[in-house]
PDB file of N, CA and C in Angstrom:
ATOM      1  N   MET A   1       0.831  -1.191   0.000  1.00  0.00           N
ATOM      2  CA  MET A   1       0.000   0.000   0.000  1.00  0.00           C
ATOM      3  C   MET A   1       0.869   1.245   0.000  1.00  0.00           C
ATOM      4  N   ARG A   2       1.942   1.191   0.786  1.00  0.00           N
ATOM      5  CA  ARG A   2       2.802   2.358   0.909  1.00  0.00           C
ATOM      6  C   ARG A   2       3.497   2.685  -0.419  1.00  0.00           C
ATOM      7  N   ASN A   3       3.915   1.646  -1.156  1.00  0.00           N
ATOM      8  CA  ASN A   3       4.576   1.865  -2.440  1.00  0.00           C
ATOM      9  C   ASN A   3       3.640   2.477  -3.467  1.00  0.00           C
ATOM     10  N   SER A   4       2.381   2.112  -3.435  1.00  0.00           N
ATOM     11  CA  SER A   4       1.430   2.664  -4.397  1.00  0.00           C
ATOM     12  C   SER A   4       1.164   4.142  -4.125  1.00  0.00           C
ATOM     13  N   ILE A   5       1.179   4.555  -2.858  1.00  0.00           N
ATOM     14  CA  ILE A   5       0.994   5.972  -2.517  1.00  0.00           C
ATOM     15  C   ILE A   5       2.204   6.774  -2.965  1.00  0.00           C
ATOM     16  N   ALA A   6       3.386   6.241  -2.721  1.00  0.00           N
ATOM     17  CA  ALA A   6       4.606   6.927  -3.153  1.00  0.00           C
ATOM     18  C   ALA A   6       4.656   7.019  -4.670  1.00  0.00           C
ATOM     19  N   GLY A   7       4.222   5.968  -5.345  1.00  0.00           N
ATOM     20  CA  GLY A   7       4.191   5.984  -6.808  1.00  0.00           C
ATOM     21  C   GLY A   7       3.201   7.007  -7.328  1.00  0.00           C
ATOM     22  N   ALA A   8       2.067   7.157  -6.657  1.00  0.00           N
ATOM     23  CA  ALA A   8       1.074   8.135  -7.071  1.00  0.00           C
ATOM     24  C   ALA A   8       1.613   9.550  -6.888  1.00  0.00           C
ATOM     25  N   ARG A   9       2.337   9.801  -5.785  1.00  0.00           N
ATOM     26  CA  ARG A   9       2.920  11.130  -5.566  1.00  0.00           C
ATOM     27  C   ARG A   9       3.960  11.448  -6.633  1.00  0.00           C
ATOM     28  N   PHE A  10       4.785  10.453  -6.938  1.00  0.00           N
ATOM     29  CA  PHE A  10       5.803  10.654  -7.963  1.00  0.00           C
ATOM     30  C   PHE A  10       5.152  10.928  -9.309  1.00  0.00           C
ATOM     31  N   SER A  11       4.105  10.201  -9.600  1.00  0.00           N
ATOM     32  CA  SER A  11       3.396  10.371 -10.862  1.00  0.00           C
ATOM     33  C   SER A  11       2.783  11.761 -10.953  1.00  0.00           C
ATOM     34  N   ALA A  12       2.229  12.255  -9.856  1.00  0.00           N
ATOM     35  CA  ALA A  12       1.632  13.591  -9.851  1.00  0.00           C
ATOM     36  C   ALA A  12       2.702  14.657 -10.056  1.00  0.00           C
ATOM     37  N   ARG A  13       3.859  14.512  -9.383  1.00  0.00           N
ATOM     38  CA  ARG A  13       4.943  15.476  -9.563  1.00  0.00           C
ATOM     39  C   ARG A  13       5.488  15.429 -10.987  1.00  0.00           C
ATOM     40  N   CYS A  14       5.624  14.240 -11.499  1.00  0.00           N
ATOM     41  CA  CYS A  14       6.147  14.067 -12.848  1.00  0.00           C
ATOM     42  C   CYS A  14       5.191  14.674 -13.875  1.00  0.00           C
ATOM     43  N   SER A  15       3.908  14.466 -13.684  1.00  0.00           N
ATOM     44  CA  SER A  15       2.939  15.005 -14.634  1.00  0.00           C
ATOM     45  C   SER A  15       2.913  16.532 -14.597  1.00  0.00           C
ATOM     46  N   LYS A  16       3.167  17.133 -13.435  1.00  0.00           N
ATOM     47  CA  LYS A  16       3.238  18.593 -13.359  1.00  0.00           C
ATOM     48  C   LYS A  16       4.425  19.114 -14.162  1.00  0.00           C
ATOM     49  N   TRP A  17       5.570  18.432 -14.063  1.00  0.00           N
ATOM     50  CA  TRP A  17       6.754  18.847 -14.809  1.00  0.00           C
ATOM     51  C   TRP A  17       6.542  18.660 -16.317  1.00  0.00           C
ATOM     52  N   VAL A  18       5.903  17.580 -16.674  1.00  0.00           N
ATOM     53  CA  VAL A  18       5.629  17.330 -18.090  1.00  0.00           C
ATOM     54  C   VAL A  18       4.678  18.383 -18.627  1.00  0.00           C
ATOM     55  N   LEU A  19       3.651  18.725 -17.857  1.00  0.00           N
ATOM     56  CA  LEU A  19       2.707  19.756 -18.272  1.00  0.00           C
ATOM     57  C   LEU A  19       3.407  21.104 -18.415  1.00  0.00           C
ATOM     58  N   ALA A  20       4.265  21.451 -17.469  1.00  0.00           N
ATOM     59  CA  ALA A  20       5.010  22.712 -17.546  1.00  0.00           C
ATOM     60  C   ALA A  20       5.916  22.730 -18.770  1.00  0.00           C
ATOM     61  N   PHE A  21       6.583  21.618 -19.056  1.00  0.00           N
ATOM     62  CA  PHE A  21       7.456  21.534 -20.225  1.00  0.00           C
ATOM     63  C   PHE A  21       6.661  21.691 -21.514  1.00  0.00           C
ATOM     64  N   VAL A  22       5.512  21.042 -21.591  1.00  0.00           N
ATOM     65  CA  VAL A  22       4.679  21.122 -22.792  1.00  0.00           C
ATOM     66  C   VAL A  22       4.184  22.551 -22.989  1.00  0.00           C
ATOM     67  N   LEU A  23       3.791  23.229 -21.926  1.00  0.00           N
ATOM     68  CA  LEU A  23       3.327  24.608 -22.046  1.00  0.00           C
ATOM     69  C   LEU A  23       4.449  25.536 -22.498  1.00  0.00           C
ATOM     70  N   CYS A  24       5.647  25.335 -21.959  1.00  0.00           N
ATOM     71  CA  CYS A  24       6.793  26.148 -22.395  1.00  0.00           C
ATOM     72  C   CYS A  24       7.118  25.879 -23.857  1.00  0.00           C
ATOM     73  N   LEU A  25       7.081  24.630 -24.249  1.00  0.00           N
ATOM     74  CA  LEU A  25       7.353  24.274 -25.633  1.00  0.00           C
ATOM     75  C   LEU A  25       6.308  24.876 -26.564  1.00  0.00           C
ATOM     76  N   LEU A  26       5.073  24.864 -26.159  1.00  0.00           N
ATOM     77  CA  LEU A  26       4.001  25.451 -26.953  1.00  0.00           C
ATOM     78  C   LEU A  26       4.199  26.952 -27.102  1.00  0.00           C
ATOM     79  N   ALA A  27       4.599  27.620 -26.030  1.00  0.00           N
ATOM     80  CA  ALA A  27       4.845  29.062 -26.102  1.00  0.00           C
ATOM     81  C   ALA A  27       5.997  29.377 -27.045  1.00  0.00           C
ATOM     82  N   VAL A  28       7.051  28.578 -27.003  1.00  0.00           N
ATOM     83  CA  VAL A  28       8.194  28.809 -27.899  1.00  0.00           C
ATOM     84  C   VAL A  28       7.794  28.574 -29.347  1.00  0.00           C
ATOM     85  N   VAL A  29       7.003  27.544 -29.600  1.00  0.00           N
ATOM     86  CA  VAL A  29       6.575  27.250 -30.962  1.00  0.00           C
ATOM     87  C   VAL A  29       5.669  28.355 -31.492  1.00  0.00           C
ATOM     88  N   MET A  30       4.781  28.857 -30.652  1.00  0.00           N
ATOM     89  CA  MET A  30       3.841  29.885 -31.109  1.00  0.00           C
ATOM     90  C   MET A  30       4.523  31.222 -31.367  1.00  0.00           C
ATOM     91  N   PHE A  31       5.431  31.627 -30.494  1.00  0.00           N
ATOM     92  CA  PHE A  31       6.026  32.944 -30.618  1.00  0.00           C
ATOM     93  C   PHE A  31       7.371  32.905 -31.329  1.00  0.00           C
ATOM     94  N   GLY A  32       8.110  31.836 -31.172  1.00  0.00           N
ATOM     95  CA  GLY A  32       9.386  31.701 -31.843  1.00  0.00           C
ATOM     96  C   GLY A  32      10.336  32.824 -31.486  1.00  0.00           C
ATOM     97  N   CYS A  33      11.152  33.205 -32.437  1.00  0.00           N
ATOM     98  CA  CYS A  33      12.129  34.267 -32.203  1.00  0.00           C
ATOM     99  C   CYS A  33      11.640  35.609 -32.710  1.00  0.00           C
ATOM    100  N   LYS A  34      10.414  35.686 -33.186  1.00  0.00           N
ATOM    101  CA  LYS A  34       9.918  36.931 -33.741  1.00  0.00           C
ATOM    102  C   LYS A  34       9.710  38.003 -32.675  1.00  0.00           C
ATOM    103  N   CYS A  35       9.554  37.605 -31.446  1.00  0.00           N
ATOM    104  CA  CYS A  35       9.323  38.603 -30.409  1.00  0.00           C
ATOM    105  C   CYS A  35      10.629  39.276 -29.983  1.00  0.00           C
ATOM    106  N   TYR A  36      11.765  38.741 -30.449  1.00  0.00           N
ATOM    107  CA  TYR A  36      13.053  39.334 -30.100  1.00  0.00           C
ATOM    108  C   TYR A  36      13.640  40.013 -31.323  1.00  0.00           C
ATOM    109  N   ASP A  37      13.653  41.343 -31.317  1.00  0.00           N
ATOM    110  CA  ASP A  37      14.254  42.087 -32.411  1.00  0.00           C
ATOM    111  C   ASP A  37      15.762  42.122 -32.225  1.00  0.00           C
ATOM    112  N   GLN A  38      16.458  42.322 -33.331  1.00  0.00           N
ATOM    113  CA  GLN A  38      17.898  42.493 -33.246  1.00  0.00           C
ATOM    114  C   GLN A  38      18.155  43.844 -32.586  1.00  0.00           C
ATOM    115  N   PRO A  39      18.917  43.885 -31.529  1.00  0.00           N
ATOM    116  CA  PRO A  39      19.149  45.167 -30.858  1.00  0.00           C
ATOM    117  C   PRO A  39      19.951  46.123 -31.747  1.00  0.00           C
ATOM    118  N   GLY A  40      19.447  47.328 -31.878  1.00  0.00           N
ATOM    119  CA  GLY A  40      20.143  48.343 -32.663  1.00  0.00           C
ATOM    120  C   GLY A  40      19.977  48.186 -34.157  1.00  0.00           C
ATOM    121  N   GLU A  41      19.021  47.400 -34.620  1.00  0.00           N
ATOM    122  CA  GLU A  41      18.822  47.193 -36.052  1.00  0.00           C
ATOM    123  C   GLU A  41      17.530  47.870 -36.491  1.00  0.00           C
ATOM    124  N   THR A  42      17.629  48.684 -37.521  1.00  0.00           N
ATOM    125  CA  THR A  42      16.438  49.351 -38.039  1.00  0.00           C
ATOM    126  C   THR A  42      15.706  48.415 -38.995  1.00  0.00           C
ATOM    127  N   LEU A  43      14.514  48.830 -39.406  1.00  0.00           N
ATOM    128  CA  LEU A  43      13.745  48.012 -40.338  1.00  0.00           C
ATOM    129  C   LEU A  43      14.463  47.886 -41.677  1.00  0.00           C
ATOM    130  N   ALA A  44      15.076  48.957 -42.132  1.00  0.00           N
ATOM    131  CA  ALA A  44      15.795  48.923 -43.406  1.00  0.00           C
ATOM    132  C   ALA A  44      16.987  47.974 -43.332  1.00  0.00           C
ATOM    133  N   GLU A  45      17.689  47.986 -42.224  1.00  0.00           N
ATOM    134  CA  GLU A  45      18.831  47.075 -42.063  1.00  0.00           C
ATOM    135  C   GLU A  45      18.366  45.620 -42.035  1.00  0.00           C
ATOM    136  N   GLY A  46      17.267  45.371 -41.360  1.00  0.00           N
ATOM    137  CA  GLY A  46      16.715  44.018 -41.323  1.00  0.00           C
ATOM    138  C   GLY A  46      16.294  43.545 -42.702  1.00  0.00           C
ATOM    139  N   ARG A  47      15.664  44.456 -43.465  1.00  0.00           N
ATOM    140  CA  ARG A  47      15.241  44.122 -44.826  1.00  0.00           C
ATOM    141  C   ARG A  47      16.451  43.810 -45.700  1.00  0.00           C
ATOM    142  N   ARG A  48      17.517  44.632 -45.589  1.00  0.00           N
ATOM    143  CA  ARG A  48      18.740  44.390 -46.363  1.00  0.00           C
ATOM    144  C   ARG A  48      19.382  43.062 -45.975  1.00  0.00           C
ATOM    145  N   ARG A  49      19.361  42.747 -44.695  1.00  0.00           N
ATOM    146  CA  ARG A  49      19.934  41.482 -44.231  1.00  0.00           C
ATOM    147  C   ARG A  49      19.168  40.293 -44.809  1.00  0.00           C
ATOM    148  N   HIS A  50      17.843  40.396 -44.839  1.00  0.00           N
ATOM    149  CA  HIS A  50      17.031  39.317 -45.397  1.00  0.00           C
ATOM    150  C   HIS A  50      17.263  39.169 -46.899  1.00  0.00           C
ATOM    151  N   ILE A  51      17.342  40.286 -47.603  1.00  0.00           N
ATOM    152  CA  ILE A  51      17.588  40.243 -49.046  1.00  0.00           C
ATOM    153  C   ILE A  51      18.947  39.620 -49.331  1.00  0.00           C
ATOM    154  N   ARG A  52      19.964  40.023 -48.564  1.00  0.00           N
ATOM    155  CA  ARG A  52      21.311  39.472 -48.755  1.00  0.00           C
ATOM    156  C   ARG A  52      21.333  37.971 -48.463  1.00  0.00           C
ATOM    157  N   THR A  53      20.660  37.558 -47.397  1.00  0.00           N
ATOM    158  CA  THR A  53      20.614  36.140 -47.050  1.00  0.00           C
ATOM    159  C   THR A  53      19.940  35.337 -48.154  1.00  0.00           C
ATOM    160  N   ASN A  54      18.835  35.839 -48.680  1.00  0.00           N
ATOM    161  CA  ASN A  54      18.141  35.132 -49.762  1.00  0.00           C
ATOM    162  C   ASN A  54      18.990  35.076 -51.024  1.00  0.00           C
ATOM    163  N   ARG A  55      19.712  36.158 -51.335  1.00  0.00           N
ATOM    164  CA  ARG A  55      20.578  36.179 -52.510  1.00  0.00           C
ATOM    165  C   ARG A  55      21.701  35.148 -52.373  1.00  0.00           C
ATOM    166  N   ILE A  56      22.317  35.090 -51.195  1.00  0.00           N
ATOM    167  CA  ILE A  56      23.401  34.134 -50.974  1.00  0.00           C
ATOM    168  C   ILE A  56      22.881  32.704 -51.043  1.00  0.00           C
ATOM    169  N   ARG A  57      21.707  32.463 -50.488  1.00  0.00           N
ATOM    170  CA  ARG A  57      21.136  31.113 -50.530  1.00  0.00           C
ATOM    171  C   ARG A  57      20.835  30.690 -51.962  1.00  0.00           C
ATOM    172  N   SER A  58      20.320  31.607 -52.777  1.00  0.00           N
ATOM    173  CA  SER A  58      20.024  31.243 -54.166  1.00  0.00           C
ATOM    174  C   SER A  58      21.311  31.007 -54.943  1.00  0.00           C
ATOM    175  N   GLN A  59      22.370  31.765 -54.666  1.00  0.00           N
ATOM    176  CA  GLN A  59      23.655  31.525 -55.318  1.00  0.00           C
ATOM    177  C   GLN A  59      24.208  30.153 -54.946  1.00  0.00           C
ATOM    178  N   GLN A  60      24.119  29.807 -53.676  1.00  0.00           N
ATOM    179  CA  GLN A  60      24.602  28.501 -53.234  1.00  0.00           C
ATOM    180  C   GLN A  60      23.785  27.374 -53.864  1.00  0.00           C
ATOM    181  N   LEU A  61      22.484  27.582 -53.995  1.00  0.00           N
ATOM    182  CA  LEU A  61      21.631  26.580 -54.631  1.00  0.00           C
ATOM    183  C   LEU A  61      22.032  26.392 -56.088  1.00  0.00           C
ATOM    184  N   MET A  62      22.288  27.487 -56.796  1.00  0.00           N
ATOM    185  CA  MET A  62      22.698  27.386 -58.192  1.00  0.00           C
ATOM    186  C   MET A  62      24.056  26.710 -58.313  1.00  0.00           C
ATOM    187  N   GLN A  63      24.981  26.980 -57.393  1.00  0.00           N
ATOM    188  CA  GLN A  63      26.279  26.310 -57.419  1.00  0.00           C
ATOM    189  C   GLN A  63      26.115  24.806 -57.201  1.00  0.00           C
ATOM    190  N   ASP A  64      25.244  24.418 -56.292  1.00  0.00           N
ATOM    191  CA  ASP A  64      25.003  22.996 -56.042  1.00  0.00           C
ATOM    192  C   ASP A  64      24.367  22.320 -57.257  1.00  0.00           C
ATOM    193  N   LEU A  65      23.423  23.010 -57.900  1.00  0.00           N
ATOM    194  CA  LEU A  65      22.795  22.445 -59.100  1.00  0.00           C
ATOM    195  C   LEU A  65      23.804  22.321 -60.233  1.00  0.00           C
ATOM    196  N   ASP A  66      24.642  23.338 -60.415  1.00  0.00           N
ATOM    197  CA  ASP A  66      25.671  23.270 -61.456  1.00  0.00           C
ATOM    198  C   ASP A  66      26.625  22.110 -61.204  1.00  0.00           C
ATOM    199  N   ALA A  67      27.004  21.899 -59.952  1.00  0.00           N
ATOM    200  CA  ALA A  67      27.903  20.787 -59.629  1.00  0.00           C
ATOM    201  C   ALA A  67      27.210  19.447 -59.872  1.00  0.00           C
ATOM    202  N   ALA A  68      25.924  19.345 -59.560  1.00  0.00           N
ATOM    203  CA  ALA A  68      25.198  18.091 -59.759  1.00  0.00           C
ATOM    204  C   ALA A  68      25.010  17.790 -61.242  1.00  0.00           C
ATOM    205  N   LEU A  69      24.821  18.830 -62.047  1.00  0.00           N
ATOM    206  CA  LEU A  69      24.615  18.642 -63.489  1.00  0.00           C
ATOM    207  C   LEU A  69      25.924  18.733 -64.274  1.00  0.00           C
ATOM    208  N   LEU A  70      27.048  18.822 -63.566  1.00  0.00           N
ATOM    209  CA  LEU A  70      28.388  18.905 -64.166  1.00  0.00           C
ATOM    210  C   LEU A  70      28.545  20.115 -65.082  1.00  0.00           C
ATOM    211  N   LEU A  71      27.897  21.215 -64.746  1.00  0.00           N
ATOM    212  CA  LEU A  71      28.017  22.438 -65.532  1.00  0.00           C
ATOM    213  C   LEU A  71      29.086  23.370 -64.977  1.00  0.00           C
ATOM    214  N   ASP A  72      29.743  22.969 -63.923  1.00  0.00           N
ATOM    215  CA  ASP A  72      30.728  23.828 -63.283  1.00  0.00           C
ATOM    216  C   ASP A  72      32.149  23.594 -63.796  1.00  0.00           C
ATOM    217  N   ARG A  73      32.305  22.722 -64.792  1.00  0.00           N
ATOM    218  CA  ARG A  73      33.636  22.450 -65.350  1.00  0.00           C
ATOM    219  C   ARG A  73      33.523  22.392 -66.873  1.00  0.00           C
ATOM    220  N   PRO A  74      34.629  22.576 -67.555  1.00  0.00           N
ATOM    221  CA  PRO A  74      34.565  22.553 -69.023  1.00  0.00           C
ATOM    222  C   PRO A  74      34.167  21.177 -69.551  1.00  0.00           C
ATOM    223  N   SER A  75      33.576  21.188 -70.707  1.00  0.00           N
ATOM    224  CA  SER A  75      33.128  19.947 -71.324  1.00  0.00           C
ATOM    225  C   SER A  75      34.321  19.172 -71.865  1.00  0.00           C
ATOM    226  N   LYS A  76      34.234  17.871 -71.787  1.00  0.00           N
ATOM    227  CA  LYS A  76      35.277  16.992 -72.331  1.00  0.00           C
ATOM    228  C   LYS A  76      34.964  16.612 -73.777  1.00  0.00           C
ATOM    229  N   LEU A  77      33.843  17.089 -74.284  1.00  0.00           N
ATOM    230  CA  LEU A  77      33.451  16.752 -75.648  1.00  0.00           C
ATOM    231  C   LEU A  77      34.274  17.560 -76.635  1.00  0.00           C
ATOM    232  N   THR A  78      34.569  16.981 -77.758  1.00  0.00           N
ATOM    233  CA  THR A  78      35.347  17.677 -78.773  1.00  0.00           C
ATOM    234  C   THR A  78      34.430  18.465 -79.693  1.00  0.00           C
ATOM    235  N   ASP A  79      34.980  19.519 -80.246  1.00  0.00           N
ATOM    236  CA  ASP A  79      34.207  20.290 -81.211  1.00  0.00           C
ATOM    237  C   ASP A  79      34.451  19.783 -82.627  1.00  0.00           C
ATOM    238  N   LYS A  80      35.357  18.805 -82.792  1.00  0.00           N
ATOM    239  CA  LYS A  80      35.640  18.210 -84.097  1.00  0.00           C
ATOM    240  C   LYS A  80      34.657  17.066 -84.358  1.00  0.00           C
ATOM    241  N   ARG A  81      34.406  16.859 -85.641  1.00  0.00           N
ATOM    242  CA  ARG A  81      33.494  15.779 -86.009  1.00  0.00           C
ATOM    243  C   ARG A  81      34.293  14.499 -86.198  1.00  0.00           C
ATOM    244  N   ILE A  82      33.879  13.453 -85.510  1.00  0.00           N
ATOM    245  CA  ILE A  82      34.565  12.178 -85.594  1.00  0.00           C
ATOM    246  C   ILE A  82      33.857  11.313 -86.622  1.00  0.00           C
ATOM    247  N   ARG A  83      34.655  10.705 -87.594  1.00  0.00           N
ATOM    248  CA  ARG A  83      34.023   9.886 -88.641  1.00  0.00           C
ATOM    249  C   ARG A  83      34.023   8.447 -88.275  1.00  0.00           C
TER     250      ARG A  83
END
């Protein structure tokens, strides 16, 4: 009987911690990092940073595609006609 009471207390404490963790996780998922602005950054600077990041990402994507399609190196094909 005594072990079942101790187990019930542990279960209640554990469930409170799990509930608190789930609520914190839900708050982080809902708000994310948008509630924290970059300190000392204006809207124009933020916009420029986003544009630069997107430009760099698209360049990297094109480099990866060129490497996958073998367009990043000269062709080994000859320009002469073979008979």
